[in-house]
């Protein structure tokens, strides 16, 4: 990747999900590329142990995606915003509705704040009727993020596996207990 340093100097990148696996690894990569990073965290204390937390080019803001007005303020001055959050089944089975509402809030706030691009981590799967509920939800979120006219770049990943990720830990747990797995 070639980075034009003159362009980087002025750019602040907004990252949701910095306490998660992908976001927590994205922030130091952005810092190495010379960007200033603003991280949104519901619980900023969860970022206290991250080695990049005290970097002068990191700004951690407390909040969540439910307050459009607050998001507009937090997104001010950011050229790109990463949307790296999604609910899990635990929200009473209503994770899809919740994700859609949060994506709507984020898209509205990004448009009002003048964000130039939203970057979203979606899931694999063809368009159509054969998607699981989870993947269908991810596609709906992608559509909602694009609904305000802010350009959206979507990365599609089947599963993120790396040391410390939830998927890796589940896989390791299974391998330690099941010497052979028939599929």
N, C-alpha and C. Protein backbone atom coordinates (compact mmCIF):
# COMPACT_ATOMS: atom_id res chain seq x y z
N UNK A 1 0.85 -1.17 0.00
CA UNK A 1 0.00 0.00 0.00
C UNK A 1 0.89 1.23 0.00
N UNK A 2 0.64 2.16 -0.91
CA UNK A 2 1.39 3.40 -0.99
C UNK A 2 0.57 4.48 -0.31
N UNK A 3 1.18 5.16 0.64
CA UNK A 3 0.49 6.21 1.38
C UNK A 3 1.13 7.55 1.05
N UNK A 4 0.33 8.49 0.62
CA UNK A 4 0.80 9.85 0.35
C UNK A 4 0.82 10.58 1.68
N UNK A 5 2.00 10.85 2.21
CA UNK A 5 2.15 11.46 3.54
C UNK A 5 1.44 12.81 3.61
N UNK A 6 1.45 13.58 2.55
CA UNK A 6 0.79 14.89 2.56
C UNK A 6 -0.71 14.73 2.81
N UNK A 7 -1.31 13.66 2.28
CA UNK A 7 -2.73 13.42 2.49
C UNK A 7 -3.01 12.92 3.91
N UNK A 8 -2.11 12.14 4.45
CA UNK A 8 -2.30 11.52 5.76
C UNK A 8 -2.28 12.54 6.89
N UNK A 9 -1.40 13.53 6.79
CA UNK A 9 -1.18 14.48 7.87
C UNK A 9 -2.48 15.08 8.40
N UNK A 10 -3.40 15.40 7.54
CA UNK A 10 -4.63 16.06 7.94
C UNK A 10 -5.77 15.11 8.26
N UNK A 11 -5.62 13.83 8.00
CA UNK A 11 -6.75 12.91 8.10
C UNK A 11 -6.89 12.28 9.48
N UNK A 12 -8.12 12.36 9.97
CA UNK A 12 -8.47 11.65 11.19
C UNK A 12 -9.43 10.54 10.80
N UNK A 13 -9.16 9.35 11.28
CA UNK A 13 -9.96 8.17 10.98
C UNK A 13 -10.75 7.80 12.22
N UNK A 14 -12.04 7.55 12.06
CA UNK A 14 -12.93 7.18 13.16
C UNK A 14 -13.09 5.67 13.15
N UNK A 15 -12.91 5.04 14.30
CA UNK A 15 -13.01 3.58 14.39
C UNK A 15 -14.01 3.19 15.47
N UNK A 16 -15.06 2.48 15.06
CA UNK A 16 -15.94 1.85 16.04
C UNK A 16 -15.43 0.42 16.22
N UNK A 17 -15.69 -0.17 17.35
CA UNK A 17 -15.26 -1.54 17.56
C UNK A 17 -13.78 -1.69 17.89
N UNK A 18 -13.15 -0.64 18.40
CA UNK A 18 -11.72 -0.71 18.73
C UNK A 18 -11.43 -1.67 19.87
N UNK A 19 -12.43 -2.00 20.67
CA UNK A 19 -12.22 -2.97 21.75
C UNK A 19 -12.30 -4.40 21.22
N UNK A 20 -12.72 -4.57 19.98
CA UNK A 20 -12.84 -5.90 19.39
C UNK A 20 -11.55 -6.36 18.73
N UNK A 21 -11.61 -7.56 18.18
CA UNK A 21 -10.44 -8.18 17.58
C UNK A 21 -9.93 -7.40 16.37
N UNK A 22 -10.80 -7.13 15.42
CA UNK A 22 -10.38 -6.44 14.19
C UNK A 22 -10.02 -4.99 14.47
N UNK A 23 -10.90 -4.28 15.16
CA UNK A 23 -10.65 -2.87 15.45
C UNK A 23 -9.39 -2.66 16.27
N UNK A 24 -9.14 -3.56 17.22
CA UNK A 24 -7.96 -3.45 18.06
C UNK A 24 -6.66 -3.64 17.30
N UNK A 25 -6.74 -4.31 16.16
CA UNK A 25 -5.55 -4.49 15.32
C UNK A 25 -5.48 -3.44 14.21
N UNK A 26 -6.63 -2.89 13.86
CA UNK A 26 -6.66 -1.84 12.84
C UNK A 26 -6.03 -0.54 13.35
N UNK A 27 -6.32 -0.17 14.59
CA UNK A 27 -5.84 1.11 15.12
C UNK A 27 -4.32 1.23 15.01
N UNK A 28 -3.51 0.27 15.47
CA UNK A 28 -2.06 0.44 15.34
C UNK A 28 -1.60 0.48 13.88
N UNK A 29 -2.29 -0.21 12.99
CA UNK A 29 -1.93 -0.16 11.57
C UNK A 29 -2.17 1.24 11.01
N UNK A 30 -3.27 1.85 11.40
CA UNK A 30 -3.56 3.22 10.96
C UNK A 30 -2.53 4.20 11.53
N UNK A 31 -2.15 4.00 12.78
CA UNK A 31 -1.14 4.87 13.40
C UNK A 31 0.20 4.74 12.68
N UNK A 32 0.58 3.51 12.34
CA UNK A 32 1.85 3.30 11.62
C UNK A 32 1.82 3.99 10.25
N UNK A 33 0.63 4.08 9.66
CA UNK A 33 0.49 4.74 8.35
C UNK A 33 0.45 6.26 8.49
N UNK A 34 0.46 6.76 9.74
CA UNK A 34 0.53 8.19 9.96
C UNK A 34 -0.78 8.90 10.26
N UNK A 35 -1.85 8.14 10.37
CA UNK A 35 -3.16 8.75 10.63
C UNK A 35 -3.35 9.07 12.11
N UNK A 36 -4.23 10.02 12.37
CA UNK A 36 -4.76 10.25 13.71
C UNK A 36 -6.02 9.40 13.80
N UNK A 37 -6.23 8.75 14.93
CA UNK A 37 -7.36 7.83 15.07
C UNK A 37 -8.24 8.23 16.24
N UNK A 38 -9.52 8.35 15.98
CA UNK A 38 -10.51 8.59 17.03
C UNK A 38 -11.32 7.31 17.20
N UNK A 39 -11.27 6.75 18.41
CA UNK A 39 -11.95 5.49 18.71
C UNK A 39 -13.20 5.75 19.54
N UNK A 40 -14.32 5.19 19.11
CA UNK A 40 -15.55 5.24 19.89
C UNK A 40 -15.62 3.98 20.73
N UNK A 41 -15.82 4.14 22.04
CA UNK A 41 -15.93 2.98 22.93
C UNK A 41 -17.02 3.22 23.96
N UNK A 42 -17.87 2.21 24.13
CA UNK A 42 -18.89 2.32 25.18
C UNK A 42 -18.21 2.36 26.54
N UNK A 43 -17.14 1.59 26.67
CA UNK A 43 -16.39 1.52 27.93
C UNK A 43 -14.91 1.77 27.62
N UNK A 44 -14.50 3.03 27.61
CA UNK A 44 -13.10 3.35 27.27
C UNK A 44 -12.07 2.63 28.13
N UNK A 45 -12.41 2.28 29.35
CA UNK A 45 -11.45 1.59 30.23
C UNK A 45 -10.99 0.26 29.61
N UNK A 46 -11.83 -0.32 28.73
CA UNK A 46 -11.44 -1.58 28.08
C UNK A 46 -10.25 -1.40 27.14
N UNK A 47 -9.95 -0.16 26.80
CA UNK A 47 -8.81 0.11 25.92
C UNK A 47 -7.54 0.45 26.70
N UNK A 48 -7.64 0.53 28.01
CA UNK A 48 -6.51 0.98 28.84
C UNK A 48 -5.26 0.13 28.66
N UNK A 49 -5.41 -1.16 28.42
CA UNK A 49 -4.25 -2.05 28.31
C UNK A 49 -3.69 -2.13 26.89
N UNK A 50 -4.34 -1.51 25.93
CA UNK A 50 -3.84 -1.57 24.56
C UNK A 50 -2.54 -0.76 24.47
N UNK A 51 -1.51 -1.31 23.83
CA UNK A 51 -0.23 -0.61 23.77
C UNK A 51 -0.31 0.74 23.06
N UNK A 52 -1.29 0.94 22.22
CA UNK A 52 -1.42 2.18 21.47
C UNK A 52 -2.29 3.21 22.18
N UNK A 53 -2.88 2.85 23.31
CA UNK A 53 -3.87 3.71 23.98
C UNK A 53 -3.34 5.11 24.30
N UNK A 54 -2.10 5.22 24.72
CA UNK A 54 -1.55 6.52 25.12
C UNK A 54 -0.82 7.24 23.99
N UNK A 55 -0.93 6.74 22.79
CA UNK A 55 -0.31 7.41 21.64
C UNK A 55 -0.97 8.79 21.48
N UNK A 56 -0.19 9.84 21.30
CA UNK A 56 -0.78 11.19 21.17
C UNK A 56 -1.70 11.34 19.96
N UNK A 57 -1.62 10.42 19.01
CA UNK A 57 -2.48 10.49 17.83
C UNK A 57 -3.75 9.65 17.99
N UNK A 58 -4.01 9.19 19.22
CA UNK A 58 -5.24 8.43 19.51
C UNK A 58 -6.13 9.26 20.41
N UNK A 59 -7.37 9.38 20.01
CA UNK A 59 -8.39 10.08 20.79
C UNK A 59 -9.51 9.08 21.05
N UNK A 60 -9.71 8.72 22.30
CA UNK A 60 -10.80 7.80 22.65
C UNK A 60 -11.97 8.62 23.15
N UNK A 61 -13.13 8.40 22.53
CA UNK A 61 -14.35 9.09 22.95
C UNK A 61 -15.34 8.07 23.48
N UNK A 62 -15.98 8.42 24.58
CA UNK A 62 -16.97 7.53 25.19
C UNK A 62 -18.32 7.76 24.53
N UNK A 63 -19.01 6.68 24.28
CA UNK A 63 -20.35 6.78 23.71
C UNK A 63 -20.74 5.50 23.03
N UNK A 64 -21.90 5.54 22.40
CA UNK A 64 -22.34 4.39 21.63
C UNK A 64 -23.05 4.87 20.38
N UNK A 65 -23.61 3.97 19.64
CA UNK A 65 -24.21 4.31 18.36
C UNK A 65 -25.69 4.66 18.46
N UNK A 66 -26.20 4.79 19.66
CA UNK A 66 -27.64 5.05 19.82
C UNK A 66 -27.99 6.53 19.78
N UNK A 67 -27.01 7.41 19.93
CA UNK A 67 -27.27 8.85 20.00
C UNK A 67 -26.70 9.55 18.76
N UNK A 68 -27.57 9.85 17.80
CA UNK A 68 -27.13 10.46 16.54
C UNK A 68 -26.44 11.80 16.78
N UNK A 69 -27.01 12.63 17.64
CA UNK A 69 -26.43 13.94 17.91
C UNK A 69 -25.02 13.84 18.44
N UNK A 70 -24.81 12.93 19.38
CA UNK A 70 -23.47 12.73 19.95
C UNK A 70 -22.52 12.20 18.88
N UNK A 71 -23.00 11.29 18.05
CA UNK A 71 -22.17 10.74 16.98
C UNK A 71 -21.74 11.82 15.99
N UNK A 72 -22.66 12.73 15.66
CA UNK A 72 -22.31 13.82 14.74
C UNK A 72 -21.14 14.60 15.30
N UNK A 73 -21.19 14.94 16.58
CA UNK A 73 -20.10 15.68 17.22
C UNK A 73 -18.80 14.88 17.18
N UNK A 74 -18.89 13.58 17.49
CA UNK A 74 -17.69 12.75 17.56
C UNK A 74 -17.07 12.50 16.18
N UNK A 75 -17.89 12.52 15.15
CA UNK A 75 -17.41 12.29 13.79
C UNK A 75 -16.87 13.55 13.11
N UNK A 76 -17.07 14.71 13.73
CA UNK A 76 -16.60 15.97 13.14
C UNK A 76 -15.09 15.89 12.87
N UNK A 77 -14.70 16.28 11.68
CA UNK A 77 -13.28 16.30 11.33
C UNK A 77 -12.72 14.97 10.87
N UNK A 78 -13.54 13.94 10.84
CA UNK A 78 -13.07 12.62 10.40
C UNK A 78 -13.40 12.43 8.92
N UNK A 79 -12.42 11.99 8.15
CA UNK A 79 -12.65 11.80 6.72
C UNK A 79 -13.18 10.40 6.41
N UNK A 80 -12.76 9.42 7.19
CA UNK A 80 -13.16 8.04 6.99
C UNK A 80 -13.64 7.48 8.32
N UNK A 81 -14.68 6.64 8.27
CA UNK A 81 -15.20 6.03 9.49
C UNK A 81 -15.37 4.53 9.28
N UNK A 82 -14.75 3.76 10.15
CA UNK A 82 -14.87 2.29 10.11
C UNK A 82 -16.04 1.87 10.99
N UNK A 83 -16.94 1.07 10.43
CA UNK A 83 -18.08 0.52 11.17
C UNK A 83 -17.77 -0.95 11.40
N UNK A 84 -17.23 -1.27 12.58
CA UNK A 84 -16.76 -2.62 12.89
C UNK A 84 -17.51 -3.21 14.08
N UNK A 85 -18.79 -2.92 14.17
CA UNK A 85 -19.57 -3.44 15.29
C UNK A 85 -20.74 -4.26 14.76
N UNK A 86 -21.12 -5.25 15.54
CA UNK A 86 -22.40 -5.92 15.31
C UNK A 86 -22.81 -6.63 16.59
N UNK A 87 -24.11 -6.68 16.77
CA UNK A 87 -24.66 -7.30 17.97
C UNK A 87 -24.54 -8.81 17.84
N UNK A 88 -24.69 -9.46 18.95
CA UNK A 88 -24.69 -10.91 18.94
C UNK A 88 -26.09 -11.38 19.28
N UNK A 89 -26.33 -12.66 19.17
CA UNK A 89 -27.65 -13.24 19.40
C UNK A 89 -28.22 -12.87 20.77
N UNK A 90 -27.39 -12.48 21.70
CA UNK A 90 -27.82 -12.27 23.09
C UNK A 90 -28.85 -11.17 23.27
N UNK A 91 -29.05 -10.31 22.29
CA UNK A 91 -30.00 -9.22 22.49
C UNK A 91 -31.44 -9.67 22.34
N UNK A 92 -31.78 -10.79 22.97
CA UNK A 92 -33.14 -11.28 22.95
C UNK A 92 -33.60 -11.70 21.57
N UNK A 93 -32.67 -12.12 20.71
CA UNK A 93 -33.03 -12.54 19.37
C UNK A 93 -33.32 -11.38 18.43
N UNK A 94 -33.16 -10.16 18.90
CA UNK A 94 -33.47 -8.97 18.10
C UNK A 94 -32.20 -8.28 17.60
N UNK A 95 -31.14 -9.05 17.46
CA UNK A 95 -29.87 -8.44 17.05
C UNK A 95 -29.97 -7.80 15.66
N UNK A 96 -30.72 -8.39 14.75
CA UNK A 96 -30.81 -7.85 13.39
C UNK A 96 -31.46 -6.47 13.40
N UNK A 97 -32.54 -6.33 14.16
CA UNK A 97 -33.22 -5.04 14.25
C UNK A 97 -32.33 -4.00 14.91
N UNK A 98 -31.63 -4.43 15.96
CA UNK A 98 -30.73 -3.52 16.67
C UNK A 98 -29.59 -3.07 15.75
N UNK A 99 -28.99 -4.00 15.05
CA UNK A 99 -27.90 -3.66 14.14
C UNK A 99 -28.35 -2.67 13.07
N UNK A 100 -29.54 -2.89 12.54
CA UNK A 100 -30.07 -2.00 11.50
C UNK A 100 -30.28 -0.59 12.04
N UNK A 101 -30.80 -0.48 13.26
CA UNK A 101 -31.01 0.83 13.85
C UNK A 101 -29.69 1.54 14.12
N UNK A 102 -28.72 0.81 14.64
CA UNK A 102 -27.41 1.42 14.92
C UNK A 102 -26.71 1.85 13.62
N UNK A 103 -26.85 1.04 12.57
CA UNK A 103 -26.27 1.40 11.28
C UNK A 103 -26.95 2.65 10.72
N UNK A 104 -28.26 2.74 10.89
CA UNK A 104 -28.99 3.92 10.44
C UNK A 104 -28.49 5.17 11.17
N UNK A 105 -28.34 5.06 12.49
CA UNK A 105 -27.83 6.19 13.28
C UNK A 105 -26.45 6.61 12.80
N UNK A 106 -25.59 5.63 12.58
CA UNK A 106 -24.22 5.89 12.17
C UNK A 106 -24.19 6.55 10.79
N UNK A 107 -24.97 6.03 9.86
CA UNK A 107 -25.01 6.57 8.50
C UNK A 107 -25.52 8.01 8.50
N UNK A 108 -26.56 8.27 9.27
CA UNK A 108 -27.10 9.64 9.36
C UNK A 108 -26.04 10.59 9.92
N UNK A 109 -25.41 10.17 11.01
CA UNK A 109 -24.40 11.02 11.66
C UNK A 109 -23.22 11.26 10.73
N UNK A 110 -22.78 10.22 10.02
CA UNK A 110 -21.65 10.36 9.10
C UNK A 110 -21.98 11.35 7.99
N UNK A 111 -23.19 11.29 7.47
CA UNK A 111 -23.60 12.21 6.41
C UNK A 111 -23.62 13.65 6.92
N UNK A 112 -24.19 13.85 8.09
CA UNK A 112 -24.29 15.20 8.66
C UNK A 112 -22.90 15.75 8.97
N UNK A 113 -22.01 14.89 9.48
CA UNK A 113 -20.66 15.33 9.88
C UNK A 113 -19.72 15.52 8.69
N UNK A 114 -20.13 15.10 7.51
CA UNK A 114 -19.29 15.27 6.33
C UNK A 114 -18.24 14.20 6.13
N UNK A 115 -18.47 13.02 6.70
CA UNK A 115 -17.54 11.91 6.49
C UNK A 115 -17.51 11.57 5.00
N UNK A 116 -16.33 11.33 4.46
CA UNK A 116 -16.18 11.09 3.03
C UNK A 116 -16.37 9.63 2.64
N UNK A 117 -16.15 8.70 3.57
CA UNK A 117 -16.28 7.28 3.26
C UNK A 117 -16.50 6.49 4.54
N UNK A 118 -17.38 5.49 4.44
CA UNK A 118 -17.58 4.52 5.52
C UNK A 118 -16.97 3.21 5.05
N UNK A 119 -16.23 2.57 5.94
CA UNK A 119 -15.67 1.25 5.63
C UNK A 119 -16.32 0.25 6.58
N UNK A 120 -16.86 -0.82 5.99
CA UNK A 120 -17.67 -1.78 6.73
C UNK A 120 -17.12 -3.19 6.54
N UNK A 121 -17.09 -3.95 7.62
CA UNK A 121 -16.69 -5.35 7.55
C UNK A 121 -17.95 -6.20 7.57
N UNK A 122 -18.33 -6.71 6.41
CA UNK A 122 -19.53 -7.53 6.27
C UNK A 122 -19.17 -9.00 6.25
N UNK A 123 -20.10 -9.80 5.78
CA UNK A 123 -19.88 -11.24 5.72
C UNK A 123 -20.00 -11.74 4.29
N UNK A 124 -19.44 -12.92 4.05
CA UNK A 124 -19.53 -13.55 2.73
C UNK A 124 -20.96 -14.02 2.48
N UNK A 125 -21.22 -14.37 1.26
CA UNK A 125 -22.53 -14.91 0.90
C UNK A 125 -23.06 -14.19 -0.32
N UNK A 126 -23.66 -14.96 -1.20
CA UNK A 126 -24.23 -14.37 -2.40
C UNK A 126 -25.52 -13.65 -2.07
N UNK A 127 -25.87 -12.72 -2.92
CA UNK A 127 -27.16 -12.05 -2.77
C UNK A 127 -28.26 -13.07 -3.07
N UNK A 128 -29.36 -12.94 -2.40
CA UNK A 128 -30.47 -13.85 -2.68
C UNK A 128 -31.09 -14.39 -1.42
N UNK A 129 -31.90 -15.41 -1.62
CA UNK A 129 -32.71 -15.95 -0.53
C UNK A 129 -31.98 -16.96 0.35
N UNK A 130 -30.84 -17.47 -0.07
CA UNK A 130 -30.20 -18.56 0.66
C UNK A 130 -29.33 -18.15 1.83
N UNK A 131 -29.33 -16.88 2.21
CA UNK A 131 -28.46 -16.43 3.29
C UNK A 131 -29.03 -16.81 4.66
N UNK A 132 -28.13 -17.06 5.59
CA UNK A 132 -28.55 -17.28 6.98
C UNK A 132 -29.09 -15.97 7.54
N UNK A 133 -29.76 -16.06 8.65
CA UNK A 133 -30.31 -14.85 9.28
C UNK A 133 -29.18 -13.85 9.59
N UNK A 134 -28.07 -14.38 10.07
CA UNK A 134 -26.92 -13.53 10.41
C UNK A 134 -26.37 -12.81 9.17
N UNK A 135 -26.13 -13.56 8.09
CA UNK A 135 -25.57 -12.94 6.88
C UNK A 135 -26.57 -12.00 6.22
N UNK A 136 -27.84 -12.33 6.28
CA UNK A 136 -28.87 -11.44 5.75
C UNK A 136 -28.84 -10.11 6.51
N UNK A 137 -28.68 -10.21 7.83
CA UNK A 137 -28.58 -9.01 8.67
C UNK A 137 -27.38 -8.17 8.27
N UNK A 138 -26.25 -8.82 8.02
CA UNK A 138 -25.03 -8.09 7.64
C UNK A 138 -25.24 -7.34 6.31
N UNK A 139 -25.95 -7.96 5.37
CA UNK A 139 -26.23 -7.31 4.09
C UNK A 139 -27.18 -6.13 4.28
N UNK A 140 -28.16 -6.29 5.16
CA UNK A 140 -29.10 -5.19 5.43
C UNK A 140 -28.37 -4.01 6.06
N UNK A 141 -27.45 -4.30 6.96
CA UNK A 141 -26.65 -3.24 7.58
C UNK A 141 -25.84 -2.51 6.51
N UNK A 142 -25.24 -3.26 5.61
CA UNK A 142 -24.47 -2.65 4.52
C UNK A 142 -25.35 -1.70 3.71
N UNK A 143 -26.55 -2.13 3.38
CA UNK A 143 -27.48 -1.28 2.64
C UNK A 143 -27.86 -0.04 3.41
N UNK A 144 -28.07 -0.20 4.71
CA UNK A 144 -28.43 0.94 5.55
C UNK A 144 -27.28 1.95 5.62
N UNK A 145 -26.07 1.46 5.73
CA UNK A 145 -24.91 2.37 5.78
C UNK A 145 -24.81 3.20 4.51
N UNK A 146 -25.20 2.62 3.38
CA UNK A 146 -25.12 3.32 2.09
C UNK A 146 -26.33 4.20 1.82
N UNK A 147 -27.32 4.16 2.68
CA UNK A 147 -28.60 4.82 2.40
C UNK A 147 -28.56 6.35 2.41
N UNK A 148 -27.53 6.94 2.98
CA UNK A 148 -27.49 8.41 3.07
C UNK A 148 -26.61 9.04 2.00
N UNK A 149 -26.01 8.22 1.16
CA UNK A 149 -25.18 8.76 0.09
C UNK A 149 -23.70 8.82 0.39
N UNK A 150 -23.30 8.57 1.63
CA UNK A 150 -21.87 8.50 1.93
C UNK A 150 -21.35 7.21 1.29
N UNK A 151 -20.30 7.28 0.46
CA UNK A 151 -19.79 6.06 -0.17
C UNK A 151 -19.35 5.04 0.89
N UNK A 152 -19.65 3.77 0.60
CA UNK A 152 -19.31 2.68 1.52
C UNK A 152 -18.40 1.69 0.81
N UNK A 153 -17.31 1.33 1.46
CA UNK A 153 -16.46 0.24 1.01
C UNK A 153 -16.71 -0.91 1.95
N UNK A 154 -17.05 -2.07 1.39
CA UNK A 154 -17.34 -3.24 2.21
C UNK A 154 -16.28 -4.31 1.99
N UNK A 155 -15.72 -4.79 3.07
CA UNK A 155 -14.85 -5.96 3.05
C UNK A 155 -15.69 -7.13 3.52
N UNK A 156 -15.60 -8.25 2.83
CA UNK A 156 -16.39 -9.42 3.20
C UNK A 156 -15.46 -10.51 3.73
N UNK A 157 -15.76 -10.96 4.91
CA UNK A 157 -14.94 -12.00 5.52
C UNK A 157 -15.84 -13.14 5.98
N UNK A 158 -15.41 -14.35 5.74
CA UNK A 158 -16.17 -15.51 6.21
C UNK A 158 -16.00 -15.62 7.72
N UNK A 159 -14.77 -15.68 8.15
CA UNK A 159 -14.47 -15.81 9.57
C UNK A 159 -13.09 -15.22 9.79
N UNK A 160 -12.95 -14.47 10.85
CA UNK A 160 -11.65 -13.89 11.18
C UNK A 160 -11.03 -14.79 12.24
N UNK A 161 -9.91 -15.40 11.89
CA UNK A 161 -9.24 -16.29 12.84
C UNK A 161 -7.82 -15.79 13.06
N UNK A 162 -7.50 -15.55 14.30
CA UNK A 162 -6.17 -15.12 14.66
C UNK A 162 -6.00 -15.30 16.16
N UNK A 163 -4.78 -15.32 16.61
CA UNK A 163 -4.50 -15.52 18.02
C UNK A 163 -5.31 -14.55 18.88
N UNK A 164 -6.12 -15.10 19.77
CA UNK A 164 -6.92 -14.29 20.67
C UNK A 164 -8.33 -14.00 20.17
N UNK A 165 -8.62 -14.29 18.90
CA UNK A 165 -9.98 -14.04 18.41
C UNK A 165 -10.93 -15.09 18.96
N UNK A 166 -12.20 -14.75 19.06
CA UNK A 166 -13.20 -15.69 19.57
C UNK A 166 -13.24 -16.94 18.69
N UNK A 167 -13.18 -16.77 17.38
CA UNK A 167 -13.22 -17.92 16.46
C UNK A 167 -12.02 -18.83 16.67
N UNK A 168 -10.84 -18.23 16.86
CA UNK A 168 -9.63 -19.02 17.09
C UNK A 168 -9.75 -19.82 18.38
N UNK A 169 -10.25 -19.18 19.42
CA UNK A 169 -10.37 -19.86 20.72
C UNK A 169 -11.37 -21.01 20.65
N UNK A 170 -12.46 -20.84 19.93
CA UNK A 170 -13.43 -21.93 19.76
C UNK A 170 -12.79 -23.08 19.00
N UNK A 171 -12.09 -22.75 17.93
CA UNK A 171 -11.42 -23.77 17.13
C UNK A 171 -10.37 -24.51 17.95
N UNK A 172 -9.59 -23.78 18.72
CA UNK A 172 -8.58 -24.41 19.57
C UNK A 172 -9.21 -25.32 20.60
N UNK A 173 -10.30 -24.87 21.21
CA UNK A 173 -11.03 -25.67 22.19
C UNK A 173 -11.49 -27.00 21.56
N UNK A 174 -12.04 -26.93 20.36
CA UNK A 174 -12.51 -28.14 19.68
C UNK A 174 -11.36 -29.07 19.33
N UNK A 175 -10.27 -28.52 18.81
CA UNK A 175 -9.12 -29.34 18.42
C UNK A 175 -8.52 -30.06 19.63
N UNK A 176 -8.50 -29.39 20.77
CA UNK A 176 -7.95 -30.01 21.97
C UNK A 176 -8.81 -31.15 22.48
N UNK A 177 -10.10 -31.15 22.14
CA UNK A 177 -11.02 -32.15 22.68
C UNK A 177 -11.47 -33.18 21.66
N UNK A 178 -11.41 -32.85 20.39
CA UNK A 178 -11.87 -33.75 19.34
C UNK A 178 -10.71 -34.07 18.40
N UNK A 179 -10.10 -35.24 18.55
CA UNK A 179 -8.96 -35.56 17.70
C UNK A 179 -9.35 -35.68 16.22
N UNK A 180 -10.60 -36.07 15.96
CA UNK A 180 -11.09 -36.20 14.59
C UNK A 180 -12.47 -35.57 14.53
N UNK A 181 -12.73 -34.84 13.47
CA UNK A 181 -14.04 -34.21 13.32
C UNK A 181 -14.60 -34.58 11.95
N UNK A 182 -15.76 -35.20 11.93
CA UNK A 182 -16.40 -35.60 10.68
C UNK A 182 -17.42 -34.53 10.30
N UNK A 183 -17.33 -34.07 9.06
CA UNK A 183 -18.29 -33.05 8.62
C UNK A 183 -19.12 -33.56 7.47
